[in-house]
């Protein structure tokens, strides 16, 4: 089983950028190929990684739910688990450095308990074949709470340095504890920070918890411009301030 990093935080905190930087760092430091899981329904990770999603798991989950309600013969003799795994493989974007799986849209009306369980098992088997897995969660912990990953090695909370941003990160930690989410270790990184004041606030908020404050990533005009243009993370220069700090953060997480 590979090393699993799950990234979460409030909307707009920069989770997807950090996820893309993590995929890059892991693939460049001998921990690849990486399985990148875009668990955000907005599906933005593909652009930062320089690929384009054409098929998401959300539609497959709907198909499995419908099959579960129909006659067994509707699968054409193929088991539901086999069908789902085949569909997942078809939707997987494969490259030399990473493979990308997009979860896609949220669930519609009806019960998806069975489909979610089947999906979790299929993704876990897929993840077992990769040295590293990076999960870019939606704003919250929905996919982890549904056990898309049974356990993660590291849970990273991303927050801006504002009081509201850090308070949200702490609430997500509390939610993770309520949900009994299993994580080998946990940390918080501040993104788009303009000073070090947020670091002190973060340490106060997470005092008494196992969450480490592992870095403060500066606000960077180059990164803002690149995001606006949709530039992939692979062309980010080595001397970029965001990349430099993020690289140090991921090196700490892998110790």
C-alpha atoms as a PDB file:
ATOM      1  CA  UNK A   1       0.000   0.000   0.000  1.00  0.00           C
ATOM      2  CA  UNK A   2       1.338   3.437  -0.941  1.00  0.00           C
ATOM      3  CA  UNK A   3       1.661   6.578   1.176  1.00  0.00           C
ATOM      4  CA  UNK A   4      -1.653   8.492   1.155  1.00  0.00           C
ATOM      5  CA  UNK A   5      -1.813  12.281   1.584  1.00  0.00           C
ATOM      6  CA  UNK A   6      -5.267  13.857   1.932  1.00  0.00           C
ATOM      7  CA  UNK A   7      -5.592  17.638   1.632  1.00  0.00           C
ATOM      8  CA  UNK A   8      -8.569  19.598   2.930  1.00  0.00           C
ATOM      9  CA  UNK A   9      -9.577  23.149   3.848  1.00  0.00           C
ATOM     10  CA  UNK A  10     -12.223  25.751   3.164  1.00  0.00           C
ATOM     11  CA  UNK A  11     -13.059  26.778  -0.383  1.00  0.00           C
ATOM     12  CA  UNK A  12     -10.484  29.099  -1.922  1.00  0.00           C
ATOM     13  CA  UNK A  13      -7.743  28.207   0.557  1.00  0.00           C
ATOM     14  CA  UNK A  14      -5.525  26.769  -2.159  1.00  0.00           C
ATOM     15  CA  UNK A  15      -6.043  23.023  -1.653  1.00  0.00           C
ATOM     16  CA  UNK A  16      -5.820  22.194  -5.336  1.00  0.00           C
ATOM     17  CA  UNK A  17      -2.605  24.160  -5.852  1.00  0.00           C
ATOM     18  CA  UNK A  18      -1.036  22.356  -2.886  1.00  0.00           C
ATOM     19  CA  UNK A  19      -2.270  19.017  -4.209  1.00  0.00           C
ATOM     20  CA  UNK A  20      -0.687  19.664  -7.609  1.00  0.00           C
ATOM     21  CA  UNK A  21       2.577  20.751  -5.960  1.00  0.00           C
ATOM     22  CA  UNK A  22       2.504  17.572  -3.866  1.00  0.00           C
ATOM     23  CA  UNK A  23       2.075  15.418  -6.976  1.00  0.00           C
ATOM     24  CA  UNK A  24       5.022  17.201  -8.538  1.00  0.00           C
ATOM     25  CA  UNK A  25       7.276  16.894  -5.477  1.00  0.00           C
ATOM     26  CA  UNK A  26       6.492  13.222  -4.912  1.00  0.00           C
ATOM     27  CA  UNK A  27       7.038  12.306  -8.555  1.00  0.00           C
ATOM     28  CA  UNK A  28      10.358  14.195  -8.665  1.00  0.00           C
ATOM     29  CA  UNK A  29      11.719  12.660  -5.455  1.00  0.00           C
ATOM     30  CA  UNK A  30      11.299   8.994  -6.213  1.00  0.00           C
ATOM     31  CA  UNK A  31       7.805   8.447  -4.787  1.00  0.00           C
ATOM     32  CA  UNK A  32       6.015   8.064  -8.081  1.00  0.00           C
ATOM     33  CA  UNK A  33       4.115   7.295 -10.101  1.00  0.00           C
ATOM     34  CA  UNK A  34       1.501   9.132  -8.054  1.00  0.00           C
ATOM     35  CA  UNK A  35      -2.229   8.478  -8.073  1.00  0.00           C
ATOM     36  CA  UNK A  36      -3.913  11.899  -7.912  1.00  0.00           C
ATOM     37  CA  UNK A  37      -7.565  11.763  -6.826  1.00  0.00           C
ATOM     38  CA  UNK A  38      -9.571  14.902  -7.563  1.00  0.00           C
ATOM     39  CA  UNK A  39     -12.398  14.583  -5.040  1.00  0.00           C
ATOM     40  CA  UNK A  40     -13.703  18.112  -5.654  1.00  0.00           C
ATOM     41  CA  UNK A  41     -16.840  18.152  -7.849  1.00  0.00           C
ATOM     42  CA  UNK A  42     -15.470  21.257  -9.586  1.00  0.00           C
ATOM     43  CA  UNK A  43     -12.618  19.149 -11.027  1.00  0.00           C
ATOM     44  CA  UNK A  44      -9.776  21.695 -11.223  1.00  0.00           C
ATOM     45  CA  UNK A  45      -6.750  19.523 -10.477  1.00  0.00           C
ATOM     46  CA  UNK A  46      -6.432  18.321 -14.060  1.00  0.00           C
ATOM     47  CA  UNK A  47      -5.642  21.809 -15.417  1.00  0.00           C
ATOM     48  CA  UNK A  48      -2.880  22.350 -12.855  1.00  0.00           C
ATOM     49  CA  UNK A  49      -1.404  18.978 -13.793  1.00  0.00           C
ATOM     50  CA  UNK A  50      -1.565  19.764 -17.513  1.00  0.00           C
ATOM     51  CA  UNK A  51      -4.194  17.169 -18.506  1.00  0.00           C
ATOM     52  CA  UNK A  52      -7.941  17.207 -19.184  1.00  0.00           C
ATOM     53  CA  UNK A  53     -10.580  15.070 -17.483  1.00  0.00           C
ATOM     54  CA  UNK A  54     -13.091  13.544 -19.893  1.00  0.00           C
ATOM     55  CA  UNK A  55     -14.750  11.021 -17.585  1.00  0.00           C
ATOM     56  CA  UNK A  56     -15.475  11.194 -13.844  1.00  0.00           C
ATOM     57  CA  UNK A  57     -16.363   8.530 -11.304  1.00  0.00           C
ATOM     58  CA  UNK A  58     -19.573  10.322 -10.309  1.00  0.00           C
ATOM     59  CA  UNK A  59     -21.408   9.047 -13.369  1.00  0.00           C
ATOM     60  CA  UNK A  60     -20.052   5.551 -12.728  1.00  0.00           C
ATOM     61  CA  UNK A  61     -21.368   5.643  -9.166  1.00  0.00           C
ATOM     62  CA  UNK A  62     -24.817   6.531 -10.555  1.00  0.00           C
ATOM     63  CA  UNK A  63     -24.565   3.588 -12.957  1.00  0.00           C
ATOM     64  CA  UNK A  64     -23.687   1.190 -10.122  1.00  0.00           C
ATOM     65  CA  UNK A  65     -26.618   2.469  -8.036  1.00  0.00           C
ATOM     66  CA  UNK A  66     -29.003   1.833 -10.909  1.00  0.00           C
ATOM     67  CA  UNK A  67     -27.560  -1.630 -11.504  1.00  0.00           C
ATOM     68  CA  UNK A  68     -27.968  -2.486  -7.816  1.00  0.00           C
ATOM     69  CA  UNK A  69     -31.697  -1.712  -8.169  1.00  0.00           C
ATOM     70  CA  UNK A  70     -32.084  -3.705 -11.383  1.00  0.00           C
ATOM     71  CA  UNK A  71     -31.912  -7.411 -12.203  1.00  0.00           C
ATOM     72  CA  UNK A  72     -28.465  -9.052 -11.954  1.00  0.00           C
ATOM     73  CA  UNK A  73     -28.693  -9.907 -15.649  1.00  0.00           C
ATOM     74  CA  UNK A  74     -28.452  -6.197 -16.507  1.00  0.00           C
ATOM     75  CA  UNK A  75     -24.678  -6.342 -16.019  1.00  0.00           C
ATOM     76  CA  UNK A  76     -24.381  -8.824 -18.877  1.00  0.00           C
ATOM     77  CA  UNK A  77     -22.909 -11.483 -16.599  1.00  0.00           C
ATOM     78  CA  UNK A  78     -20.313  -9.101 -15.150  1.00  0.00           C
ATOM     79  CA  UNK A  79     -20.245  -8.529 -11.392  1.00  0.00           C
ATOM     80  CA  UNK A  80     -20.976  -5.030 -10.093  1.00  0.00           C
ATOM     81  CA  UNK A  81     -17.479  -4.751  -8.626  1.00  0.00           C
ATOM     82  CA  UNK A  82     -15.883  -5.826 -11.909  1.00  0.00           C
ATOM     83  CA  UNK A  83     -18.021  -3.379 -13.862  1.00  0.00           C
ATOM     84  CA  UNK A  84     -17.093  -0.491 -11.592  1.00  0.00           C
ATOM     85  CA  UNK A  85     -13.381  -1.287 -11.725  1.00  0.00           C
ATOM     86  CA  UNK A  86     -13.539  -1.473 -15.516  1.00  0.00           C
ATOM     87  CA  UNK A  87     -15.260   1.931 -15.676  1.00  0.00           C
ATOM     88  CA  UNK A  88     -12.717   3.447 -13.299  1.00  0.00           C
ATOM     89  CA  UNK A  89      -9.859   2.170 -15.434  1.00  0.00           C
ATOM     90  CA  UNK A  90     -11.507   3.664 -18.498  1.00  0.00           C
ATOM     91  CA  UNK A  91     -11.738   7.070 -16.798  1.00  0.00           C
ATOM     92  CA  UNK A  92      -8.178   7.043 -15.455  1.00  0.00           C
ATOM     93  CA  UNK A  93      -5.839   9.585 -17.068  1.00  0.00           C
ATOM     94  CA  UNK A  94      -2.400   7.998 -17.264  1.00  0.00           C
ATOM     95  CA  UNK A  95       0.961   9.766 -17.626  1.00  0.00           C
ATOM     96  CA  UNK A  96       4.554   8.798 -16.856  1.00  0.00           C
ATOM     97  CA  UNK A  97       4.696  10.775 -13.606  1.00  0.00           C
ATOM     98  CA  UNK A  98       1.135  10.432 -12.323  1.00  0.00           C
ATOM     99  CA  UNK A  99      -2.316   9.048 -13.018  1.00  0.00           C
ATOM    100  CA  UNK A 100      -5.435  11.105 -12.322  1.00  0.00           C
ATOM    101  CA  UNK A 101      -8.866   9.974 -11.186  1.00  0.00           C
ATOM    102  CA  UNK A 102     -11.675  12.554 -10.935  1.00  0.00           C
ATOM    103  CA  UNK A 103     -14.622  11.909  -8.611  1.00  0.00           C
ATOM    104  CA  UNK A 104     -16.908  14.351 -10.431  1.00  0.00           C
ATOM    105  CA  UNK A 105     -20.330  15.654  -9.480  1.00  0.00           C
ATOM    106  CA  UNK A 106     -22.054  15.135  -6.124  1.00  0.00           C
ATOM    107  CA  UNK A 107     -24.631  12.434  -5.653  1.00  0.00           C
ATOM    108  CA  UNK A 108     -28.220  12.917  -6.739  1.00  0.00           C
ATOM    109  CA  UNK A 109     -31.403  11.792  -4.976  1.00  0.00           C
ATOM    110  CA  UNK A 110     -31.672   8.233  -3.737  1.00  0.00           C
ATOM    111  CA  UNK A 111     -29.489   5.928  -1.655  1.00  0.00           C
ATOM    112  CA  UNK A 112     -25.838   5.620  -2.657  1.00  0.00           C
ATOM    113  CA  UNK A 113     -24.650   3.604   0.356  1.00  0.00           C
ATOM    114  CA  UNK A 114     -24.024   0.450  -1.656  1.00  0.00           C
ATOM    115  CA  UNK A 115     -22.444   2.327  -4.563  1.00  0.00           C
ATOM    116  CA  UNK A 116     -20.157   4.265  -2.196  1.00  0.00           C
ATOM    117  CA  UNK A 117     -18.987   1.059  -0.522  1.00  0.00           C
ATOM    118  CA  UNK A 118     -18.263  -0.594  -3.856  1.00  0.00           C
ATOM    119  CA  UNK A 119     -16.485   2.537  -5.051  1.00  0.00           C
ATOM    120  CA  UNK A 120     -14.354   2.758  -1.902  1.00  0.00           C
ATOM    121  CA  UNK A 121     -13.218  -0.842  -2.320  1.00  0.00           C
ATOM    122  CA  UNK A 122     -12.379  -0.300  -5.996  1.00  0.00           C
ATOM    123  CA  UNK A 123     -10.378   2.873  -5.343  1.00  0.00           C
ATOM    124  CA  UNK A 124      -8.529   1.239  -2.441  1.00  0.00           C
ATOM    125  CA  UNK A 125      -7.458  -1.654  -4.669  1.00  0.00           C
ATOM    126  CA  UNK A 126      -6.369   0.822  -7.317  1.00  0.00           C
ATOM    127  CA  UNK A 127      -4.405   2.903  -4.780  1.00  0.00           C
ATOM    128  CA  UNK A 128      -2.572  -0.200  -3.561  1.00  0.00           C
ATOM    129  CA  UNK A 129      -0.658  -0.250  -6.843  1.00  0.00           C
ATOM    130  CA  UNK A 130       0.876   3.235  -6.397  1.00  0.00           C
ATOM    131  CA  UNK A 131       3.810   4.326  -4.199  1.00  0.00           C
ATOM    132  CA  UNK A 132       1.960   7.569  -3.389  1.00  0.00           C
ATOM    133  CA  UNK A 133      -1.632   8.832  -3.453  1.00  0.00           C
ATOM    134  CA  UNK A 134      -2.708  12.483  -3.210  1.00  0.00           C
ATOM    135  CA  UNK A 135      -6.394  13.207  -2.501  1.00  0.00           C
ATOM    136  CA  UNK A 136      -7.586  16.738  -3.238  1.00  0.00           C
ATOM    137  CA  UNK A 137     -10.787  16.895  -1.162  1.00  0.00           C
ATOM    138  CA  UNK A 138     -13.754  19.148  -1.643  1.00  0.00           C
ATOM    139  CA  UNK A 139     -14.277  21.876   0.956  1.00  0.00           C
ATOM    140  CA  UNK A 140     -14.787  19.622   3.945  1.00  0.00           C
ATOM    141  CA  UNK A 141     -14.245  15.944   4.645  1.00  0.00           C
ATOM    142  CA  UNK A 142     -17.155  14.375   2.779  1.00  0.00           C
ATOM    143  CA  UNK A 143     -15.164  11.925   0.686  1.00  0.00           C
ATOM    144  CA  UNK A 144     -13.065  10.780   3.638  1.00  0.00           C
ATOM    145  CA  UNK A 145     -16.160  10.387   5.805  1.00  0.00           C
ATOM    146  CA  UNK A 146     -17.645   8.105   3.134  1.00  0.00           C
ATOM    147  CA  UNK A 147     -14.451   6.054   3.406  1.00  0.00           C
ATOM    148  CA  UNK A 148     -13.258   6.676  -0.133  1.00  0.00           C
ATOM    149  CA  UNK A 149      -9.934   6.077   1.621  1.00  0.00           C
ATOM    150  CA  UNK A 150     -10.163   3.841   4.693  1.00  0.00           C
ATOM    151  CA  UNK A 151      -7.106   5.437   6.220  1.00  0.00           C
ATOM    152  CA  UNK A 152      -4.677   8.177   5.208  1.00  0.00           C
ATOM    153  CA  UNK A 153      -1.046   8.451   6.238  1.00  0.00           C
ATOM    154  CA  UNK A 154      -1.183  12.223   6.482  1.00  0.00           C
ATOM    155  CA  UNK A 155      -4.063  14.682   6.679  1.00  0.00           C
ATOM    156  CA  UNK A 156      -3.062  18.219   5.678  1.00  0.00           C
ATOM    157  CA  UNK A 157      -5.291  21.180   6.557  1.00  0.00           C
ATOM    158  CA  UNK A 158      -4.807  24.210   4.287  1.00  0.00           C
ATOM    159  CA  UNK A 159      -5.819  27.622   5.615  1.00  0.00           C
ATOM    160  CA  UNK A 160      -5.235  31.273   4.866  1.00  0.00           C
ATOM    161  CA  UNK A 161      -3.809  33.312   7.742  1.00  0.00           C
ATOM    162  CA  UNK A 162      -7.079  35.080   8.601  1.00  0.00           C
ATOM    163  CA  UNK A 163      -8.891  34.313  11.839  1.00  0.00           C
ATOM    164  CA  UNK A 164     -11.821  32.871   9.877  1.00  0.00           C
ATOM    165  CA  UNK A 165      -9.566  30.725   7.716  1.00  0.00           C
ATOM    166  CA  UNK A 166      -7.715  29.274  10.693  1.00  0.00           C
ATOM    167  CA  UNK A 167     -10.916  28.765  12.672  1.00  0.00           C
ATOM    168  CA  UNK A 168     -12.331  26.779   9.745  1.00  0.00           C
ATOM    169  CA  UNK A 169      -9.210  24.600   9.698  1.00  0.00           C
ATOM    170  CA  UNK A 170      -9.633  23.901  13.413  1.00  0.00           C
ATOM    171  CA  UNK A 171     -13.305  23.011  12.883  1.00  0.00           C
ATOM    172  CA  UNK A 172     -12.285  20.581  10.156  1.00  0.00           C
ATOM    173  CA  UNK A 173      -9.886  18.957  12.606  1.00  0.00           C
ATOM    174  CA  UNK A 174     -12.694  18.639  15.171  1.00  0.00           C
ATOM    175  CA  UNK A 175     -14.928  17.161  12.464  1.00  0.00           C
ATOM    176  CA  UNK A 176     -12.255  14.634  11.544  1.00  0.00           C
ATOM    177  CA  UNK A 177     -12.118  13.529  15.173  1.00  0.00           C
ATOM    178  CA  UNK A 178     -15.918  13.206  15.349  1.00  0.00           C
ATOM    179  CA  UNK A 179     -15.915  11.097  12.196  1.00  0.00           C
ATOM    180  CA  UNK A 180     -13.112   8.855  13.511  1.00  0.00           C
ATOM    181  CA  UNK A 181     -11.079   9.491  10.390  1.00  0.00           C
ATOM    182  CA  UNK A 182      -7.860   7.528  10.681  1.00  0.00           C
ATOM    183  CA  UNK A 183      -4.705   9.483   9.915  1.00  0.00           C
ATOM    184  CA  UNK A 184      -1.142   8.519  10.736  1.00  0.00           C
ATOM    185  CA  UNK A 185      -0.263  12.180  11.282  1.00  0.00           C
ATOM    186  CA  UNK A 186      -1.829  15.603  10.744  1.00  0.00           C
ATOM    187  CA  UNK A 187      -0.542  19.084  10.000  1.00  0.00           C
ATOM    188  CA  UNK A 188      -1.662  22.550   8.955  1.00  0.00           C
ATOM    189  CA  UNK A 189      -0.049  24.808   6.371  1.00  0.00           C
ATOM    190  CA  UNK A 190      -0.855  28.490   5.899  1.00  0.00           C
ATOM    191  CA  UNK A 191      -1.291  29.590   2.309  1.00  0.00           C
ATOM    192  CA  UNK A 192      -1.095  33.075   0.761  1.00  0.00           C
ATOM    193  CA  UNK A 193       0.366  34.428   4.002  1.00  0.00           C
ATOM    194  CA  UNK A 194       1.481  38.067   4.097  1.00  0.00           C
ATOM    195  CA  UNK A 195       3.195  37.957   7.494  1.00  0.00           C
ATOM    196  CA  UNK A 196       3.979  35.546  10.316  1.00  0.00           C
ATOM    197  CA  UNK A 197       1.078  36.600  12.533  1.00  0.00           C
ATOM    198  CA  UNK A 198      -1.024  33.716  11.268  1.00  0.00           C
ATOM    199  CA  UNK A 199       1.543  31.166  12.427  1.00  0.00           C
ATOM    200  CA  UNK A 200       1.130  32.218  16.053  1.00  0.00           C
ATOM    201  CA  UNK A 201      -2.664  32.138  15.729  1.00  0.00           C
ATOM    202  CA  UNK A 202      -2.493  28.670  14.182  1.00  0.00           C
ATOM    203  CA  UNK A 203      -0.324  27.347  16.993  1.00  0.00           C
ATOM    204  CA  UNK A 204      -2.753  28.704  19.574  1.00  0.00           C
ATOM    205  CA  UNK A 205      -5.779  27.201  17.819  1.00  0.00           C
ATOM    206  CA  UNK A 206      -4.200  23.761  17.477  1.00  0.00           C
ATOM    207  CA  UNK A 207      -2.575  23.719  20.904  1.00  0.00           C
ATOM    208  CA  UNK A 208      -3.230  20.412  22.635  1.00  0.00           C
ATOM    209  CA  UNK A 209      -3.833  18.572  19.341  1.00  0.00           C
ATOM    210  CA  UNK A 210      -1.460  16.380  17.298  1.00  0.00           C
ATOM    211  CA  UNK A 211      -1.637  18.875  14.395  1.00  0.00           C
ATOM    212  CA  UNK A 212       1.750  20.391  13.496  1.00  0.00           C
ATOM    213  CA  UNK A 213       2.110  23.795  11.848  1.00  0.00           C
ATOM    214  CA  UNK A 214       4.491  22.892   9.027  1.00  0.00           C
ATOM    215  CA  UNK A 215       4.838  26.054   6.977  1.00  0.00           C
ATOM    216  CA  UNK A 216       3.659  29.452   5.833  1.00  0.00           C
ATOM    217  CA  UNK A 217       3.439  29.820   2.056  1.00  0.00           C
ATOM    218  CA  UNK A 218       3.684  33.447   0.899  1.00  0.00           C
ATOM    219  CA  UNK A 219       1.261  35.237  -1.373  1.00  0.00           C
ATOM    220  CA  UNK A 220       2.893  35.257  -4.780  1.00  0.00           C
ATOM    221  CA  UNK A 221       1.974  37.410  -7.789  1.00  0.00           C
ATOM    222  CA  UNK A 222       3.552  34.944 -10.194  1.00  0.00           C
ATOM    223  CA  UNK A 223       1.372  32.118  -8.909  1.00  0.00           C
ATOM    224  CA  UNK A 224      -1.743  34.307  -9.098  1.00  0.00           C
ATOM    225  CA  UNK A 225      -0.955  35.164 -12.719  1.00  0.00           C
ATOM    226  CA  UNK A 226      -0.278  31.535 -13.600  1.00  0.00           C
ATOM    227  CA  UNK A 227      -3.561  30.428 -12.046  1.00  0.00           C
ATOM    228  CA  UNK A 228      -5.385  33.034 -14.114  1.00  0.00           C
ATOM    229  CA  UNK A 229      -3.757  31.713 -17.288  1.00  0.00           C
ATOM    230  CA  UNK A 230      -4.266  28.052 -16.391  1.00  0.00           C
ATOM    231  CA  UNK A 231      -0.559  27.244 -16.515  1.00  0.00           C
ATOM    232  CA  UNK A 232       0.333  23.698 -15.369  1.00  0.00           C
ATOM    233  CA  UNK A 233       2.457  23.238 -12.278  1.00  0.00           C
ATOM    234  CA  UNK A 234       5.272  21.542 -14.190  1.00  0.00           C
ATOM    235  CA  UNK A 235       6.434  24.825 -15.735  1.00  0.00           C
ATOM    236  CA  UNK A 236       6.741  26.586 -12.368  1.00  0.00           C
ATOM    237  CA  UNK A 237      10.412  27.665 -12.008  1.00  0.00           C
ATOM    238  CA  UNK A 238      12.548  26.243  -9.206  1.00  0.00           C
ATOM    239  CA  UNK A 239      13.182  29.657  -7.660  1.00  0.00           C
ATOM    240  CA  UNK A 240       9.465  30.425  -7.253  1.00  0.00           C
ATOM    241  CA  UNK A 241       8.740  31.271  -3.601  1.00  0.00           C
ATOM    242  CA  UNK A 242       5.581  29.163  -3.400  1.00  0.00           C
ATOM    243  CA  UNK A 243       7.274  26.115  -4.855  1.00  0.00           C
ATOM    244  CA  UNK A 244      10.293  26.498  -2.561  1.00  0.00           C
ATOM    245  CA  UNK A 245       8.221  26.596   0.640  1.00  0.00           C
ATOM    246  CA  UNK A 246       5.860  23.856  -0.542  1.00  0.00           C
ATOM    247  CA  UNK A 247       8.818  21.602  -1.327  1.00  0.00           C
ATOM    248  CA  UNK A 248      10.101  22.029   2.234  1.00  0.00           C
ATOM    249  CA  UNK A 249       6.634  21.245   3.605  1.00  0.00           C
ATOM    250  CA  UNK A 250       6.349  17.987   1.660  1.00  0.00           C
ATOM    251  CA  UNK A 251       9.883  16.985   2.646  1.00  0.00           C
ATOM    252  CA  UNK A 252       8.831  17.370   6.296  1.00  0.00           C
ATOM    253  CA  UNK A 253       5.698  15.309   5.772  1.00  0.00           C
ATOM    254  CA  UNK A 254       7.666  12.412   4.296  1.00  0.00           C
ATOM    255  CA  UNK A 255      10.210  12.209   7.128  1.00  0.00           C
END
